[in-house]
Amino acid sequence: MIGSSEKLPTPFDDGEVYDLILKDIPYGFDFYTGLAKEARGPVLDVCCGTGRILLPCLQAGVDIEGLDLFAPMLDMLRQKARELGLSPRLHQSDMSDFDLPRHFALVMIPFNAVGHNMTQEAQIRCLSLCRQHLLPGGLLAFDTFFPSLAIIGTPQNTRVLEGEMPHPSTGLPMRMYDTRNFDRVAQVQHSINELELLGADGRVQQIHRSEISLRYIYKNEMELLLRAAGFARFAIHGDFDRRPLTREDDAMIVEAWKD
C-alpha cells in the first residue's frame, strides 16, 4: 500500500461501521434504482455492499441479485433483508472474476466501485465479464470520478475533515477524516480513513481506522477500456442527469450496451 506502514482493515471489513456513514448516502440512488425499475429483465448489482441500492429495488419488486467480494458487506445485507422480510440472491466474488448462471438486462456497478480494479487487466476483465453476463441489448451502468487537478493535486498526507454527521442511533456527532496520497504515474489514490465517534462531552470515544486504494481513469482511457472489453456502443456522461462530460470537475457516468 502506498504511503502506509501500518496494515489496516478496509472500509468493507465491518458492515456495521460502513453503514454508520454510507447506508443512506443519496449519491446515484435515483439513477440506479430508476434503471433497475425500468429494466426489462433481471438485474445484477455488482459490489452491492450492504444493499443501499439492492434492497430498495427488491422492495419495489425488481428481479435483482447482488455480488460483492466482502463477506461482512453481504452479512450486513442479509441481516437488513431479514428485518424487511426479504431473501436476496447474493454471490460472494470479485468483480473481475465471477461466473453466474443467469444473464441480465442490467448490470450496474454503483458508487465508484469500478475504481477498485487496481490493474488494467482487472479493469478489462471486469468490464468483459459484465458484458458476458448481459442479455442481448442489455445495459452496463457505472460511475466514477474524473481525476481533476482539484482532486489529485491536493497536498499529500494531509488529514482532511470530510464531514460531520449525527450517529444514527445516539444522535451524537461522528467525524470522518481522510488522509490521501497519490501515485500519479500509476494513477492510484491511497486513503487512510478515520471515523471518530464523539461522546456527549465532545470528546472522542472511539476511532475506526481503515485504508483503501483505488485506480482512477481518464475519459479517453475509459473509452479504450470499454472497446477492449467488447463494447461498441457506449456513452460517458458528466453527471447522473446525462449531461455531457465537458468540465474536469464533472463526474464520469458510463452507460454501455451489448449489441
C-alpha atoms as a PDB file:
ATOM      1  CA  MET A   1       0.000   0.000   0.000  1.00  0.00           C
ATOM      2  CA  ILE A   2       1.236   3.448  -0.908  1.00  0.00           C
ATOM      3  CA  GLY A   3       2.208   5.679   1.983  1.00  0.00           C
ATOM      4  CA  SER A   4       1.268   3.269   4.775  1.00  0.00           C
ATOM      5  CA  SER A   5       3.468   1.138   7.009  1.00  0.00           C
ATOM      6  CA  GLU A   6       0.598   0.029   9.264  1.00  0.00           C
ATOM      7  CA  LYS A   7      -1.725  -2.661   7.970  1.00  0.00           C
ATOM      8  CA  LEU A   8      -5.303  -1.548   8.451  1.00  0.00           C
ATOM      9  CA  PRO A   9      -8.611  -3.162   7.512  1.00  0.00           C
ATOM     10  CA  THR A  10     -10.532  -1.897   4.518  1.00  0.00           C
ATOM     11  CA  PRO A  11     -13.785   0.059   4.995  1.00  0.00           C
ATOM     12  CA  PHE A  12     -15.557  -3.090   3.782  1.00  0.00           C
ATOM     13  CA  ASP A  13     -14.375  -5.363   6.606  1.00  0.00           C
ATOM     14  CA  ASP A  14     -17.028  -4.121   9.062  1.00  0.00           C
ATOM     15  CA  GLY A  15     -20.558  -3.852   7.687  1.00  0.00           C
ATOM     16  CA  GLU A  16     -21.900  -2.127  10.792  1.00  0.00           C
ATOM     17  CA  VAL A  17     -19.287   0.653  10.734  1.00  0.00           C
ATOM     18  CA  TYR A  18     -19.693   1.031   6.962  1.00  0.00           C
ATOM     19  CA  ASP A  19     -23.420   1.609   7.393  1.00  0.00           C
ATOM     20  CA  LEU A  20     -22.867   4.291  10.032  1.00  0.00           C
ATOM     21  CA  ILE A  21     -21.616   6.577   7.276  1.00  0.00           C
ATOM     22  CA  LEU A  22     -22.887   5.306   3.957  1.00  0.00           C
ATOM     23  CA  LYS A  23     -26.182   3.467   4.489  1.00  0.00           C
ATOM     24  CA  ASP A  24     -28.349   6.375   3.345  1.00  0.00           C
ATOM     25  CA  ILE A  25     -25.999   8.349   1.112  1.00  0.00           C
ATOM     26  CA  PRO A  26     -28.076   9.606  -1.841  1.00  0.00           C
ATOM     27  CA  TYR A  27     -25.251   9.593  -4.421  1.00  0.00           C
ATOM     28  CA  GLY A  28     -26.564   7.913  -7.582  1.00  0.00           C
ATOM     29  CA  PHE A  29     -29.540   6.393  -5.766  1.00  0.00           C
ATOM     30  CA  ASP A  30     -32.280   7.662  -8.068  1.00  0.00           C
ATOM     31  CA  PHE A  31     -30.226   6.898 -11.179  1.00  0.00           C
ATOM     32  CA  TYR A  32     -29.578   3.252 -10.348  1.00  0.00           C
ATOM     33  CA  THR A  33     -32.946   2.443  -8.792  1.00  0.00           C
ATOM     34  CA  GLY A  34     -34.587   4.085 -11.813  1.00  0.00           C
ATOM     35  CA  LEU A  35     -32.587   1.968 -14.251  1.00  0.00           C
ATOM     36  CA  ALA A  36     -33.383  -1.169 -12.259  1.00  0.00           C
ATOM     37  CA  LYS A  37     -37.128  -0.486 -12.208  1.00  0.00           C
ATOM     38  CA  GLU A  38     -37.090   0.191 -15.970  1.00  0.00           C
ATOM     39  CA  ALA A  39     -35.015  -2.893 -16.844  1.00  0.00           C
ATOM     40  CA  ARG A  40     -36.797  -5.441 -18.995  1.00  0.00           C
ATOM     41  CA  GLY A  41     -35.310  -8.425 -17.268  1.00  0.00           C
ATOM     42  CA  PRO A  42     -33.181  -9.407 -14.274  1.00  0.00           C
ATOM     43  CA  VAL A  43     -30.659  -7.008 -12.721  1.00  0.00           C
ATOM     44  CA  LEU A  44     -27.211  -7.605 -11.228  1.00  0.00           C
ATOM     45  CA  ASP A  45     -25.817  -5.189  -8.623  1.00  0.00           C
ATOM     46  CA  VAL A  46     -22.025  -5.613  -8.705  1.00  0.00           C
ATOM     47  CA  CYS A  47     -20.269  -4.509  -5.496  1.00  0.00           C
ATOM     48  CA  CYS A  48     -23.689  -4.387  -3.848  1.00  0.00           C
ATOM     49  CA  GLY A  49     -22.214  -3.703  -0.401  1.00  0.00           C
ATOM     50  CA  THR A  50     -24.784  -3.688   2.386  1.00  0.00           C
ATOM     51  CA  GLY A  51     -27.692  -3.218  -0.022  1.00  0.00           C
ATOM     52  CA  ARG A  52     -28.078   0.557  -0.346  1.00  0.00           C
ATOM     53  CA  ILE A  53     -29.365   0.121  -3.916  1.00  0.00           C
ATOM     54  CA  LEU A  54     -30.301  -3.564  -3.933  1.00  0.00           C
ATOM     55  CA  LEU A  55     -32.739  -3.620  -1.019  1.00  0.00           C
ATOM     56  CA  PRO A  56     -34.987  -0.746  -2.218  1.00  0.00           C
ATOM     57  CA  CYS A  57     -35.015  -2.362  -5.666  1.00  0.00           C
ATOM     58  CA  LEU A  58     -36.017  -5.686  -4.156  1.00  0.00           C
ATOM     59  CA  GLN A  59     -38.759  -3.966  -2.163  1.00  0.00           C
ATOM     60  CA  ALA A  60     -40.019  -2.430  -5.423  1.00  0.00           C
ATOM     61  CA  GLY A  61     -40.349  -5.880  -6.988  1.00  0.00           C
ATOM     62  CA  VAL A  62     -37.198  -5.802  -9.132  1.00  0.00           C
ATOM     63  CA  ASP A  63     -35.702  -9.208 -10.012  1.00  0.00           C
ATOM     64  CA  ILE A  64     -32.251  -8.318  -8.692  1.00  0.00           C
ATOM     65  CA  GLU A  65     -29.184 -10.216  -7.497  1.00  0.00           C
ATOM     66  CA  GLY A  66     -26.096  -8.917  -5.726  1.00  0.00           C
ATOM     67  CA  LEU A  67     -22.394  -9.640  -5.944  1.00  0.00           C
ATOM     68  CA  ASP A  68     -19.672  -8.490  -3.559  1.00  0.00           C
ATOM     69  CA  LEU A  69     -16.198  -9.657  -2.550  1.00  0.00           C
ATOM     70  CA  PHE A  70     -16.508  -8.855   1.155  1.00  0.00           C
ATOM     71  CA  ALA A  71     -18.391 -11.234   3.449  1.00  0.00           C
ATOM     72  CA  PRO A  72     -19.099  -8.534   6.113  1.00  0.00           C
ATOM     73  CA  MET A  73     -20.921  -6.493   3.476  1.00  0.00           C
ATOM     74  CA  LEU A  74     -23.065  -9.439   2.434  1.00  0.00           C
ATOM     75  CA  ASP A  75     -23.690 -10.456   6.060  1.00  0.00           C
ATOM     76  CA  MET A  76     -24.999  -6.983   6.876  1.00  0.00           C
ATOM     77  CA  LEU A  77     -27.126  -7.008   3.729  1.00  0.00           C
ATOM     78  CA  ARG A  78     -28.671 -10.343   4.705  1.00  0.00           C
ATOM     79  CA  GLN A  79     -29.379  -9.074   8.227  1.00  0.00           C
ATOM     80  CA  LYS A  80     -31.165  -5.986   6.913  1.00  0.00           C
ATOM     81  CA  ALA A  81     -33.019  -8.090   4.360  1.00  0.00           C
ATOM     82  CA  ARG A  82     -34.308 -10.447   7.070  1.00  0.00           C
ATOM     83  CA  GLU A  83     -35.633  -7.467   9.018  1.00  0.00           C
ATOM     84  CA  LEU A  84     -37.562  -6.457   5.885  1.00  0.00           C
ATOM     85  CA  GLY A  85     -38.802  -9.997   5.215  1.00  0.00           C
ATOM     86  CA  LEU A  86     -36.688 -10.301   2.071  1.00  0.00           C
ATOM     87  CA  SER A  87     -34.436 -13.100   0.800  1.00  0.00           C
ATOM     88  CA  PRO A  88     -31.963 -11.684  -1.727  1.00  0.00           C
ATOM     89  CA  ARG A  89     -29.905 -13.885  -4.032  1.00  0.00           C
ATOM     90  CA  LEU A  90     -26.282 -12.968  -3.290  1.00  0.00           C
ATOM     91  CA  HIS A  91     -22.884 -14.068  -4.595  1.00  0.00           C
ATOM     92  CA  GLN A  92     -19.502 -13.596  -2.951  1.00  0.00           C
ATOM     93  CA  SER A  93     -16.959 -12.970  -5.689  1.00  0.00           C
ATOM     94  CA  ASP A  94     -14.507 -10.458  -7.096  1.00  0.00           C
ATOM     95  CA  MET A  95     -15.977  -8.158  -9.748  1.00  0.00           C
ATOM     96  CA  SER A  96     -13.130  -9.119 -12.086  1.00  0.00           C
ATOM     97  CA  ASP A  97     -13.584 -12.868 -11.566  1.00  0.00           C
ATOM     98  CA  PHE A  98     -17.177 -14.114 -11.447  1.00  0.00           C
ATOM     99  CA  ASP A  99     -19.311 -16.602 -13.332  1.00  0.00           C
ATOM    100  CA  LEU A 100     -23.057 -16.618 -12.702  1.00  0.00           C
ATOM    101  CA  PRO A 101     -25.658 -18.897 -14.283  1.00  0.00           C
ATOM    102  CA  ARG A 102     -28.015 -16.083 -15.334  1.00  0.00           C
ATOM    103  CA  HIS A 103     -27.793 -13.274 -17.848  1.00  0.00           C
ATOM    104  CA  PHE A 104     -29.121  -9.817 -17.048  1.00  0.00           C
ATOM    105  CA  ALA A 105     -30.897  -6.933 -18.721  1.00  0.00           C
ATOM    106  CA  LEU A 106     -28.949  -4.539 -16.493  1.00  0.00           C
ATOM    107  CA  VAL A 107     -25.600  -4.849 -14.747  1.00  0.00           C
ATOM    108  CA  MET A 108     -24.687  -1.910 -12.523  1.00  0.00           C
ATOM    109  CA  ILE A 109     -21.581  -1.041 -10.504  1.00  0.00           C
ATOM    110  CA  PRO A 110     -22.587   1.866  -8.227  1.00  0.00           C
ATOM    111  CA  PHE A 111     -20.635   4.259  -6.038  1.00  0.00           C
ATOM    112  CA  ASN A 112     -17.247   4.346  -7.792  1.00  0.00           C
ATOM    113  CA  ALA A 113     -16.665   0.659  -7.080  1.00  0.00           C
ATOM    114  CA  VAL A 114     -15.136   0.123 -10.523  1.00  0.00           C
ATOM    115  CA  GLY A 115     -12.128   2.111  -9.233  1.00  0.00           C
ATOM    116  CA  HIS A 116     -11.147  -0.822  -7.028  1.00  0.00           C
ATOM    117  CA  ASN A 117      -9.912  -2.736 -10.077  1.00  0.00           C
ATOM    118  CA  MET A 118      -6.266  -1.956  -9.437  1.00  0.00           C
ATOM    119  CA  THR A 119      -4.724  -3.058 -12.737  1.00  0.00           C
ATOM    120  CA  GLN A 120      -5.602  -2.563 -16.378  1.00  0.00           C
ATOM    121  CA  GLU A 121      -6.041  -6.317 -16.689  1.00  0.00           C
ATOM    122  CA  ALA A 122      -8.569  -6.315 -13.835  1.00  0.00           C
ATOM    123  CA  GLN A 123     -10.412  -3.347 -15.361  1.00  0.00           C
ATOM    124  CA  ILE A 124     -10.803  -5.107 -18.705  1.00  0.00           C
ATOM    125  CA  ARG A 125     -11.744  -8.435 -17.095  1.00  0.00           C
ATOM    126  CA  CYS A 126     -14.413  -6.699 -15.006  1.00  0.00           C
ATOM    127  CA  LEU A 127     -15.946  -4.914 -17.969  1.00  0.00           C
ATOM    128  CA  SER A 128     -15.697  -8.024 -20.163  1.00  0.00           C
ATOM    129  CA  LEU A 129     -17.403 -10.216 -17.574  1.00  0.00           C
ATOM    130  CA  CYS A 130     -20.164  -7.667 -17.128  1.00  0.00           C
ATOM    131  CA  ARG A 131     -20.700  -7.703 -20.888  1.00  0.00           C
ATOM    132  CA  GLN A 132     -20.692 -11.513 -20.972  1.00  0.00           C
ATOM    133  CA  HIS A 133     -23.406 -11.563 -18.306  1.00  0.00           C
ATOM    134  CA  LEU A 134     -25.666  -9.158 -20.212  1.00  0.00           C
ATOM    135  CA  LEU A 135     -28.593 -10.245 -22.326  1.00  0.00           C
ATOM    136  CA  PRO A 136     -28.555  -9.011 -25.949  1.00  0.00           C
ATOM    137  CA  GLY A 137     -29.324  -5.302 -25.838  1.00  0.00           C
ATOM    138  CA  GLY A 138     -28.579  -5.204 -22.122  1.00  0.00           C
ATOM    139  CA  LEU A 139     -27.048  -2.225 -20.331  1.00  0.00           C
ATOM    140  CA  LEU A 140     -23.958  -1.873 -18.145  1.00  0.00           C
ATOM    141  CA  ALA A 141     -24.031   1.274 -15.999  1.00  0.00           C
ATOM    142  CA  PHE A 142     -21.413   2.515 -13.551  1.00  0.00           C
ATOM    143  CA  ASP A 143     -19.905   5.708 -12.170  1.00  0.00           C
ATOM    144  CA  THR A 144     -16.521   7.011 -11.153  1.00  0.00           C
ATOM    145  CA  PHE A 145     -14.940  10.437 -10.694  1.00  0.00           C
ATOM    146  CA  PHE A 146     -12.996  12.438 -13.223  1.00  0.00           C
ATOM    147  CA  PRO A 147      -9.424  12.843 -11.864  1.00  0.00           C
ATOM    148  CA  SER A 148      -9.371  16.627 -11.862  1.00  0.00           C
ATOM    149  CA  LEU A 149      -6.438  18.665 -10.624  1.00  0.00           C
ATOM    150  CA  ALA A 150      -8.553  19.696  -7.646  1.00  0.00           C
ATOM    151  CA  ILE A 151      -8.687  16.039  -6.577  1.00  0.00           C
ATOM    152  CA  ILE A 152      -5.330  14.539  -7.496  1.00  0.00           C
ATOM    153  CA  GLY A 153      -3.427  17.780  -6.898  1.00  0.00           C
ATOM    154  CA  THR A 154      -4.324  18.031  -3.233  1.00  0.00           C
ATOM    155  CA  PRO A 155      -1.451  18.108  -0.730  1.00  0.00           C
ATOM    156  CA  GLN A 156      -0.061  14.695   0.101  1.00  0.00           C
ATOM    157  CA  ASN A 157      -0.539  13.133   3.552  1.00  0.00           C
ATOM    158  CA  THR A 158      -2.809  15.903   4.826  1.00  0.00           C
ATOM    159  CA  ARG A 159      -5.596  14.913   7.198  1.00  0.00           C
ATOM    160  CA  VAL A 160      -8.832  16.462   5.924  1.00  0.00           C
ATOM    161  CA  LEU A 161     -12.246  16.556   7.610  1.00  0.00           C
ATOM    162  CA  GLU A 162     -14.611  15.035   5.038  1.00  0.00           C
ATOM    163  CA  GLY A 163     -17.783  15.564   7.015  1.00  0.00           C
ATOM    164  CA  GLU A 164     -19.601  15.544  10.347  1.00  0.00           C
ATOM    165  CA  MET A 165     -22.924  13.816  10.885  1.00  0.00           C
ATOM    166  CA  PRO A 166     -25.062  12.538  13.773  1.00  0.00           C
ATOM    167  CA  HIS A 167     -24.803   8.924  14.825  1.00  0.00           C
ATOM    168  CA  PRO A 168     -27.980   7.208  13.534  1.00  0.00           C
ATOM    169  CA  SER A 169     -28.734   5.655  16.936  1.00  0.00           C
ATOM    170  CA  THR A 170     -27.406   8.106  19.533  1.00  0.00           C
ATOM    171  CA  GLY A 171     -27.548  11.379  17.622  1.00  0.00           C
ATOM    172  CA  LEU A 172     -24.041  12.186  18.877  1.00  0.00           C
ATOM    173  CA  PRO A 173     -21.537  13.598  16.401  1.00  0.00           C
ATOM    174  CA  MET A 174     -19.388  11.467  14.122  1.00  0.00           C
ATOM    175  CA  ARG A 175     -16.477  12.908  12.144  1.00  0.00           C
ATOM    176  CA  MET A 176     -14.929  11.398   9.048  1.00  0.00           C
ATOM    177  CA  TYR A 177     -11.320  12.226   8.138  1.00  0.00           C
ATOM    178  CA  ASP A 178      -9.357  11.218   5.042  1.00  0.00           C
ATOM    179  CA  THR A 179      -5.587  11.324   4.580  1.00  0.00           C
ATOM    180  CA  ARG A 180      -4.693  10.816   0.923  1.00  0.00           C
ATOM    181  CA  ASN A 181      -1.629  10.370  -1.165  1.00  0.00           C
ATOM    182  CA  PHE A 182      -1.195   9.708  -4.848  1.00  0.00           C
ATOM    183  CA  ASP A 183       0.983   7.811  -7.254  1.00  0.00           C
ATOM    184  CA  ARG A 184       0.095   9.932 -10.257  1.00  0.00           C
ATOM    185  CA  VAL A 185       2.089   7.770 -12.666  1.00  0.00           C
ATOM    186  CA  ALA A 186       0.267   4.584 -11.639  1.00  0.00           C
ATOM    187  CA  GLN A 187      -2.988   6.601 -11.317  1.00  0.00           C
ATOM    188  CA  VAL A 188      -3.541   5.308  -7.790  1.00  0.00           C
ATOM    189  CA  GLN A 189      -5.047   7.126  -4.831  1.00  0.00           C
ATOM    190  CA  HIS A 190      -4.445   5.714  -1.363  1.00  0.00           C
ATOM    191  CA  SER A 191      -6.547   6.841   1.595  1.00  0.00           C
ATOM    192  CA  ILE A 192      -6.351   6.406   5.347  1.00  0.00           C
ATOM    193  CA  ASN A 193      -9.889   6.880   6.682  1.00  0.00           C
ATOM    194  CA  GLU A 194     -10.674   7.691  10.317  1.00  0.00           C
ATOM    195  CA  LEU A 195     -14.179   7.693  11.751  1.00  0.00           C
ATOM    196  CA  GLU A 196     -14.339   9.406  15.124  1.00  0.00           C
ATOM    197  CA  LEU A 197     -17.327   8.778  17.405  1.00  0.00           C
ATOM    198  CA  LEU A 198     -17.778  11.577  19.929  1.00  0.00           C
ATOM    199  CA  GLY A 199     -19.383  11.472  23.342  1.00  0.00           C
ATOM    200  CA  ALA A 200     -21.865  13.893  24.861  1.00  0.00           C
ATOM    201  CA  ASP A 201     -18.929  15.910  26.244  1.00  0.00           C
ATOM    202  CA  GLY A 202     -17.486  16.376  22.758  1.00  0.00           C
ATOM    203  CA  ARG A 203     -14.524  14.105  23.386  1.00  0.00           C
ATOM    204  CA  VAL A 204     -13.552  11.304  21.032  1.00  0.00           C
ATOM    205  CA  GLN A 205     -14.800   7.982  22.406  1.00  0.00           C
ATOM    206  CA  GLN A 206     -13.871   5.632  19.540  1.00  0.00           C
ATOM    207  CA  ILE A 207     -11.811   5.805  16.363  1.00  0.00           C
ATOM    208  CA  HIS A 208     -12.327   3.358  13.489  1.00  0.00           C
ATOM    209  CA  ARG A 209      -9.369   3.440  11.093  1.00  0.00           C
ATOM    210  CA  SER A 210      -9.244   1.831   7.649  1.00  0.00           C
ATOM    211  CA  GLU A 211      -7.336   2.165   4.411  1.00  0.00           C
ATOM    212  CA  ILE A 212      -8.147   1.752   0.775  1.00  0.00           C
ATOM    213  CA  SER A 213      -6.637   2.264  -2.663  1.00  0.00           C
ATOM    214  CA  LEU A 214      -8.318   2.908  -5.979  1.00  0.00           C
ATOM    215  CA  ARG A 215      -7.166   3.431  -9.525  1.00  0.00           C
ATOM    216  CA  TYR A 216      -8.605   6.436 -11.303  1.00  0.00           C
ATOM    217  CA  ILE A 217      -9.391   6.562 -15.020  1.00  0.00           C
ATOM    218  CA  TYR A 218      -9.389   9.377 -17.576  1.00  0.00           C
ATOM    219  CA  LYS A 219     -12.169   9.794 -20.147  1.00  0.00           C
ATOM    220  CA  ASN A 220     -10.224   8.728 -23.247  1.00  0.00           C
ATOM    221  CA  GLU A 221      -8.743   5.831 -21.310  1.00  0.00           C
ATOM    222  CA  MET A 222     -12.256   4.789 -20.302  1.00  0.00           C
ATOM    223  CA  GLU A 223     -13.282   4.683 -23.962  1.00  0.00           C
ATOM    224  CA  LEU A 224     -10.355   2.381 -24.762  1.00  0.00           C
ATOM    225  CA  LEU A 225     -11.181   0.098 -21.831  1.00  0.00           C
ATOM    226  CA  LEU A 226     -14.784  -0.214 -22.979  1.00  0.00           C
ATOM    227  CA  ARG A 227     -13.705  -1.034 -26.528  1.00  0.00           C
ATOM    228  CA  ALA A 228     -11.167  -3.587 -25.253  1.00  0.00           C
ATOM    229  CA  ALA A 229     -13.977  -5.238 -23.285  1.00  0.00           C
ATOM    230  CA  GLY A 230     -16.088  -5.576 -26.444  1.00  0.00           C
ATOM    231  CA  PHE A 231     -18.463  -2.625 -26.118  1.00  0.00           C
ATOM    232  CA  ALA A 232     -19.055  -0.918 -29.467  1.00  0.00           C
ATOM    233  CA  ARG A 233     -21.788   1.403 -28.199  1.00  0.00           C
ATOM    234  CA  PHE A 234     -21.436   3.476 -25.045  1.00  0.00           C
ATOM    235  CA  ALA A 235     -21.936   6.955 -23.599  1.00  0.00           C
ATOM    236  CA  ILE A 236     -19.868   8.797 -20.997  1.00  0.00           C
ATOM    237  CA  HIS A 237     -21.803  11.481 -19.106  1.00  0.00           C
ATOM    238  CA  GLY A 238     -20.735  14.275 -16.782  1.00  0.00           C
ATOM    239  CA  ASP A 239     -23.392  13.545 -14.148  1.00  0.00           C
ATOM    240  CA  PHE A 240     -26.398  11.359 -13.426  1.00  0.00           C
ATOM    241  CA  ASP A 241     -28.591  13.738 -15.435  1.00  0.00           C
ATOM    242  CA  ARG A 242     -26.670  12.503 -18.522  1.00  0.00           C
ATOM    243  CA  ARG A 243     -25.273  15.894 -19.456  1.00  0.00           C
ATOM    244  CA  PRO A 244     -22.037  15.754 -21.483  1.00  0.00           C
ATOM    245  CA  LEU A 245     -18.724  15.397 -19.666  1.00  0.00           C
ATOM    246  CA  THR A 246     -17.073  18.718 -20.533  1.00  0.00           C
ATOM    247  CA  ARG A 247     -15.572  20.008 -17.272  1.00  0.00           C
ATOM    248  CA  GLU A 248     -12.859  18.491 -15.163  1.00  0.00           C
ATOM    249  CA  ASP A 249     -14.995  18.878 -12.035  1.00  0.00           C
ATOM    250  CA  ASP A 250     -17.614  16.604 -13.621  1.00  0.00           C
ATOM    251  CA  ALA A 251     -18.293  13.066 -12.516  1.00  0.00           C
ATOM    252  CA  MET A 252     -17.952  10.254 -15.035  1.00  0.00           C
ATOM    253  CA  ILE A 253     -21.125   8.213 -15.553  1.00  0.00           C
ATOM    254  CA  VAL A 254     -20.881   5.360 -18.066  1.00  0.00           C
ATOM    255  CA  GLU A 255     -23.607   3.520 -19.938  1.00  0.00           C
ATOM    256  CA  ALA A 256     -22.574   0.743 -22.335  1.00  0.00           C
ATOM    257  CA  TRP A 257     -24.814  -1.588 -24.319  1.00  0.00           C
ATOM    258  CA  LYS A 258     -24.340  -5.154 -25.520  1.00  0.00           C
ATOM    259  CA  ASP A 259     -25.323  -5.068 -29.197  1.00  0.00           C
END
